Amino acid sequence: MLGTLNGALEVRGLKLPAAAIAATAQGENSVVDGIIRLTEIRVAYRLRIPAANRDLVERALSKHQEKCPTAASLSASVRISWTAEIEETSSLTPPTGTPGI
């Protein structure tokens, strides 16, 4: 889903450096009909964006899951959800001595 989100942003004219877009994913397994199955995936995005692009980013986020081939492939059997922590900044370059996100 991260690749789909990144592509959606680029199509809208916003190319974020690698240090400005990241995701972590957690999966949950459950026993279904006696078989352990992946039943849920939760994705947490961390984005550092130029302040003027907030609306653009929120629109891309609202559509990216339905456009993601992997999410579409899993949607019949796996619940997929996401959250986004968005930091608005005047610069996409992290301050010196501070690791990027």
N, C-alpha and C. Protein backbone atom coordinates (compact mmCIF):
# COMPACT_ATOMS: atom_id res chain seq x y z
N MET A 1 0.82 -1.19 0.00
CA MET A 1 0.00 0.00 0.00
C MET A 1 0.86 1.26 0.00
N LEU A 2 2.05 1.17 0.58
CA LEU A 2 2.94 2.34 0.60
C LEU A 2 3.31 2.75 -0.82
N GLY A 3 3.62 1.78 -1.67
CA GLY A 3 3.96 2.10 -3.04
C GLY A 3 2.80 2.74 -3.79
N THR A 4 1.59 2.25 -3.55
CA THR A 4 0.41 2.82 -4.18
C THR A 4 0.18 4.24 -3.69
N LEU A 5 0.34 4.47 -2.39
CA LEU A 5 0.19 5.82 -1.86
C LEU A 5 1.24 6.74 -2.44
N ASN A 6 2.48 6.30 -2.47
CA ASN A 6 3.56 7.12 -3.01
C ASN A 6 3.29 7.45 -4.48
N GLY A 7 2.81 6.47 -5.24
CA GLY A 7 2.47 6.70 -6.64
C GLY A 7 1.32 7.69 -6.79
N ALA A 8 0.33 7.60 -5.92
CA ALA A 8 -0.81 8.53 -5.96
C ALA A 8 -0.35 9.95 -5.67
N LEU A 9 0.60 10.10 -4.77
CA LEU A 9 1.12 11.43 -4.47
C LEU A 9 1.91 11.97 -5.66
N GLU A 10 2.73 11.12 -6.27
CA GLU A 10 3.53 11.55 -7.42
C GLU A 10 2.64 11.96 -8.59
N VAL A 11 1.56 11.21 -8.85
CA VAL A 11 0.62 11.57 -9.92
C VAL A 11 0.02 12.94 -9.66
N ARG A 12 -0.14 13.29 -8.39
CA ARG A 12 -0.70 14.59 -8.02
C ARG A 12 0.38 15.68 -7.93
N GLY A 13 1.61 15.33 -8.29
CA GLY A 13 2.68 16.32 -8.35
C GLY A 13 3.50 16.46 -7.09
N LEU A 14 3.33 15.56 -6.12
CA LEU A 14 4.10 15.63 -4.88
C LEU A 14 5.03 14.43 -4.78
N LYS A 15 6.31 14.67 -4.98
CA LYS A 15 7.32 13.60 -4.85
C LYS A 15 8.01 13.79 -3.51
N LEU A 16 7.75 12.87 -2.60
CA LEU A 16 8.35 12.94 -1.27
C LEU A 16 9.66 12.17 -1.25
N PRO A 17 10.69 12.72 -0.60
CA PRO A 17 11.93 11.95 -0.44
C PRO A 17 11.68 10.76 0.48
N ALA A 18 12.51 9.74 0.37
CA ALA A 18 12.33 8.52 1.16
C ALA A 18 12.24 8.81 2.66
N ALA A 19 12.96 9.82 3.13
CA ALA A 19 12.94 10.14 4.56
C ALA A 19 11.63 10.78 5.01
N ALA A 20 10.75 11.12 4.05
CA ALA A 20 9.51 11.82 4.40
C ALA A 20 8.27 10.94 4.31
N ILE A 21 8.43 9.68 3.94
CA ILE A 21 7.27 8.78 3.84
C ILE A 21 7.69 7.39 4.31
N ALA A 22 6.94 6.87 5.27
CA ALA A 22 7.26 5.56 5.82
C ALA A 22 5.98 4.88 6.29
N ALA A 23 6.05 3.57 6.44
CA ALA A 23 4.90 2.81 6.94
C ALA A 23 5.39 1.64 7.76
N THR A 24 4.60 1.30 8.76
CA THR A 24 4.80 0.05 9.48
C THR A 24 3.50 -0.72 9.37
N ALA A 25 3.60 -2.03 9.35
CA ALA A 25 2.40 -2.87 9.23
C ALA A 25 2.40 -3.91 10.32
N GLN A 26 1.22 -4.18 10.83
CA GLN A 26 1.03 -5.25 11.82
C GLN A 26 -0.05 -6.18 11.29
N GLY A 27 0.18 -7.44 11.45
CA GLY A 27 -0.80 -8.43 11.04
C GLY A 27 -1.35 -9.17 12.25
N GLU A 28 -2.55 -9.65 12.10
CA GLU A 28 -3.16 -10.44 13.18
C GLU A 28 -3.63 -11.76 12.60
N ASN A 29 -3.25 -12.82 13.27
CA ASN A 29 -3.69 -14.15 12.88
C ASN A 29 -4.80 -14.60 13.81
N SER A 30 -5.75 -15.33 13.26
CA SER A 30 -6.86 -15.89 14.03
C SER A 30 -7.09 -17.31 13.57
N VAL A 31 -7.69 -18.10 14.43
CA VAL A 31 -8.05 -19.46 14.05
C VAL A 31 -9.42 -19.40 13.38
N VAL A 32 -9.47 -19.83 12.12
CA VAL A 32 -10.71 -19.84 11.35
C VAL A 32 -10.91 -21.27 10.85
N ASP A 33 -12.00 -21.90 11.28
CA ASP A 33 -12.29 -23.28 10.89
C ASP A 33 -11.12 -24.21 11.21
N GLY A 34 -10.48 -23.98 12.35
CA GLY A 34 -9.39 -24.83 12.80
C GLY A 34 -8.05 -24.55 12.13
N ILE A 35 -7.98 -23.52 11.32
CA ILE A 35 -6.74 -23.18 10.61
C ILE A 35 -6.32 -21.76 11.00
N ILE A 36 -5.04 -21.61 11.31
CA ILE A 36 -4.54 -20.27 11.62
C ILE A 36 -4.44 -19.49 10.30
N ARG A 37 -5.11 -18.32 10.29
CA ARG A 37 -5.13 -17.49 9.08
C ARG A 37 -4.82 -16.05 9.41
N LEU A 38 -4.23 -15.37 8.45
CA LEU A 38 -4.06 -13.93 8.54
C LEU A 38 -5.44 -13.33 8.36
N THR A 39 -5.91 -12.56 9.35
CA THR A 39 -7.26 -12.01 9.28
C THR A 39 -7.30 -10.48 9.29
N GLU A 40 -6.19 -9.85 9.67
CA GLU A 40 -6.20 -8.39 9.71
C GLU A 40 -4.80 -7.84 9.49
N ILE A 41 -4.74 -6.73 8.76
CA ILE A 41 -3.50 -5.98 8.57
C ILE A 41 -3.79 -4.53 8.89
N ARG A 42 -2.93 -3.94 9.73
CA ARG A 42 -3.04 -2.52 10.09
C ARG A 42 -1.77 -1.82 9.65
N VAL A 43 -1.93 -0.79 8.82
CA VAL A 43 -0.80 -0.03 8.30
C VAL A 43 -0.81 1.34 8.97
N ALA A 44 0.34 1.76 9.46
CA ALA A 44 0.49 3.10 10.06
C ALA A 44 1.51 3.88 9.24
N TYR A 45 1.03 4.92 8.59
CA TYR A 45 1.90 5.78 7.79
C TYR A 45 2.43 6.93 8.64
N ARG A 46 3.65 7.34 8.30
CA ARG A 46 4.23 8.57 8.85
C ARG A 46 4.69 9.40 7.66
N LEU A 47 4.10 10.58 7.53
CA LEU A 47 4.39 11.43 6.39
C LEU A 47 4.86 12.80 6.85
N ARG A 48 5.88 13.30 6.22
CA ARG A 48 6.33 14.68 6.43
C ARG A 48 6.11 15.39 5.10
N ILE A 49 5.20 16.36 5.12
CA ILE A 49 4.78 16.99 3.87
C ILE A 49 4.88 18.51 3.95
N PRO A 50 5.01 19.16 2.79
CA PRO A 50 4.91 20.62 2.79
C PRO A 50 3.50 21.03 3.23
N ALA A 51 3.40 22.02 4.08
CA ALA A 51 2.12 22.42 4.66
C ALA A 51 1.06 22.72 3.60
N ALA A 52 1.44 23.25 2.47
CA ALA A 52 0.48 23.62 1.43
C ALA A 52 -0.15 22.40 0.75
N ASN A 53 0.35 21.21 1.02
CA ASN A 53 -0.12 20.00 0.33
C ASN A 53 -1.03 19.11 1.17
N ARG A 54 -1.50 19.57 2.29
CA ARG A 54 -2.31 18.74 3.18
C ARG A 54 -3.54 18.17 2.48
N ASP A 55 -4.31 19.00 1.79
CA ASP A 55 -5.52 18.52 1.12
C ASP A 55 -5.20 17.47 0.06
N LEU A 56 -4.15 17.70 -0.71
CA LEU A 56 -3.72 16.76 -1.73
C LEU A 56 -3.38 15.40 -1.10
N VAL A 57 -2.66 15.42 0.00
CA VAL A 57 -2.26 14.18 0.68
C VAL A 57 -3.49 13.47 1.24
N GLU A 58 -4.40 14.20 1.82
CA GLU A 58 -5.60 13.57 2.38
C GLU A 58 -6.46 12.94 1.28
N ARG A 59 -6.53 13.57 0.11
CA ARG A 59 -7.27 12.98 -1.01
C ARG A 59 -6.60 11.69 -1.48
N ALA A 60 -5.27 11.71 -1.60
CA ALA A 60 -4.54 10.50 -2.01
C ALA A 60 -4.75 9.38 -0.99
N LEU A 61 -4.68 9.71 0.29
CA LEU A 61 -4.91 8.71 1.33
C LEU A 61 -6.30 8.11 1.23
N SER A 62 -7.29 8.94 0.96
CA SER A 62 -8.68 8.46 0.94
C SER A 62 -8.93 7.47 -0.20
N LYS A 63 -8.11 7.49 -1.25
CA LYS A 63 -8.32 6.62 -2.41
C LYS A 63 -7.31 5.50 -2.58
N HIS A 64 -6.17 5.56 -1.88
CA HIS A 64 -5.07 4.66 -2.20
C HIS A 64 -5.38 3.18 -1.94
N GLN A 65 -6.13 2.87 -0.89
CA GLN A 65 -6.38 1.46 -0.56
C GLN A 65 -7.20 0.78 -1.66
N GLU A 66 -8.19 1.47 -2.19
CA GLU A 66 -9.02 0.85 -3.23
C GLU A 66 -8.25 0.68 -4.55
N LYS A 67 -7.15 1.41 -4.72
CA LYS A 67 -6.33 1.31 -5.94
C LYS A 67 -5.15 0.35 -5.79
N CYS A 68 -4.91 -0.12 -4.58
CA CYS A 68 -3.74 -0.97 -4.31
C CYS A 68 -4.01 -2.42 -4.74
N PRO A 69 -3.20 -2.98 -5.64
CA PRO A 69 -3.41 -4.36 -6.09
C PRO A 69 -3.32 -5.38 -4.95
N THR A 70 -2.41 -5.20 -4.02
CA THR A 70 -2.28 -6.14 -2.92
C THR A 70 -3.50 -6.08 -2.01
N ALA A 71 -3.94 -4.88 -1.66
CA ALA A 71 -5.13 -4.73 -0.82
C ALA A 71 -6.35 -5.34 -1.51
N ALA A 72 -6.47 -5.11 -2.81
CA ALA A 72 -7.60 -5.68 -3.55
C ALA A 72 -7.55 -7.21 -3.54
N SER A 73 -6.36 -7.76 -3.67
CA SER A 73 -6.20 -9.22 -3.67
C SER A 73 -6.57 -9.85 -2.33
N LEU A 74 -6.30 -9.15 -1.25
CA LEU A 74 -6.54 -9.70 0.09
C LEU A 74 -7.90 -9.34 0.66
N SER A 75 -8.59 -8.37 0.09
CA SER A 75 -9.77 -7.78 0.73
C SER A 75 -10.90 -8.77 1.03
N ALA A 76 -11.01 -9.85 0.29
CA ALA A 76 -12.08 -10.81 0.54
C ALA A 76 -11.88 -11.60 1.83
N SER A 77 -10.63 -11.71 2.28
CA SER A 77 -10.38 -12.55 3.45
C SER A 77 -9.62 -11.86 4.58
N VAL A 78 -9.09 -10.67 4.34
CA VAL A 78 -8.28 -9.98 5.34
C VAL A 78 -8.79 -8.56 5.49
N ARG A 79 -9.09 -8.17 6.74
CA ARG A 79 -9.47 -6.78 7.01
C ARG A 79 -8.21 -5.93 6.93
N ILE A 80 -8.29 -4.85 6.21
CA ILE A 80 -7.15 -3.95 6.06
C ILE A 80 -7.57 -2.57 6.52
N SER A 81 -6.76 -1.98 7.39
CA SER A 81 -7.03 -0.62 7.86
C SER A 81 -5.73 0.15 7.88
N TRP A 82 -5.85 1.46 7.92
CA TRP A 82 -4.65 2.29 7.95
C TRP A 82 -4.91 3.55 8.77
N THR A 83 -3.82 4.11 9.28
CA THR A 83 -3.83 5.40 9.93
C THR A 83 -2.68 6.20 9.34
N ALA A 84 -2.75 7.51 9.49
CA ALA A 84 -1.68 8.35 8.97
C ALA A 84 -1.35 9.44 9.96
N GLU A 85 -0.09 9.51 10.33
CA GLU A 85 0.44 10.61 11.14
C GLU A 85 1.11 11.56 10.15
N ILE A 86 0.55 12.76 10.03
CA ILE A 86 1.04 13.71 9.04
C ILE A 86 1.66 14.90 9.75
N GLU A 87 2.92 15.14 9.43
CA GLU A 87 3.63 16.31 9.96
C GLU A 87 3.78 17.31 8.82
N GLU A 88 3.25 18.49 9.03
CA GLU A 88 3.40 19.55 8.04
C GLU A 88 4.66 20.34 8.37
N THR A 89 5.43 20.62 7.33
CA THR A 89 6.70 21.30 7.53
C THR A 89 6.95 22.28 6.39
N SER A 90 7.82 23.23 6.65
CA SER A 90 8.18 24.16 5.59
C SER A 90 9.31 23.60 4.73
N SER A 91 9.94 22.52 5.21
CA SER A 91 11.05 21.91 4.48
C SER A 91 10.96 20.40 4.62
N LEU A 92 11.27 19.68 3.56
CA LEU A 92 11.27 18.22 3.63
C LEU A 92 12.61 17.65 4.06
N THR A 93 13.58 18.51 4.30
CA THR A 93 14.89 18.06 4.75
C THR A 93 14.88 18.02 6.28
N PRO A 94 15.19 16.86 6.89
CA PRO A 94 15.23 16.80 8.35
C PRO A 94 16.31 17.73 8.89
N PRO A 95 16.11 18.31 10.06
CA PRO A 95 17.13 19.13 10.68
C PRO A 95 18.41 18.33 10.88
N THR A 96 19.55 18.98 10.83
CA THR A 96 20.83 18.32 11.03
C THR A 96 20.85 17.62 12.38
N GLY A 97 21.31 16.39 12.39
CA GLY A 97 21.41 15.63 13.64
C GLY A 97 20.14 14.92 14.03
N THR A 98 19.07 15.13 13.28
CA THR A 98 17.80 14.48 13.59
C THR A 98 17.51 13.48 12.48
N PRO A 99 17.34 12.20 12.83
CA PRO A 99 17.06 11.22 11.78
C PRO A 99 15.72 11.50 11.14
N GLY A 100 15.61 11.18 9.86
CA GLY A 100 14.34 11.33 9.16
C GLY A 100 13.36 10.28 9.62
N ILE A 101 12.12 10.44 9.21
CA ILE A 101 11.10 9.46 9.59
C ILE A 101 11.03 8.36 8.57
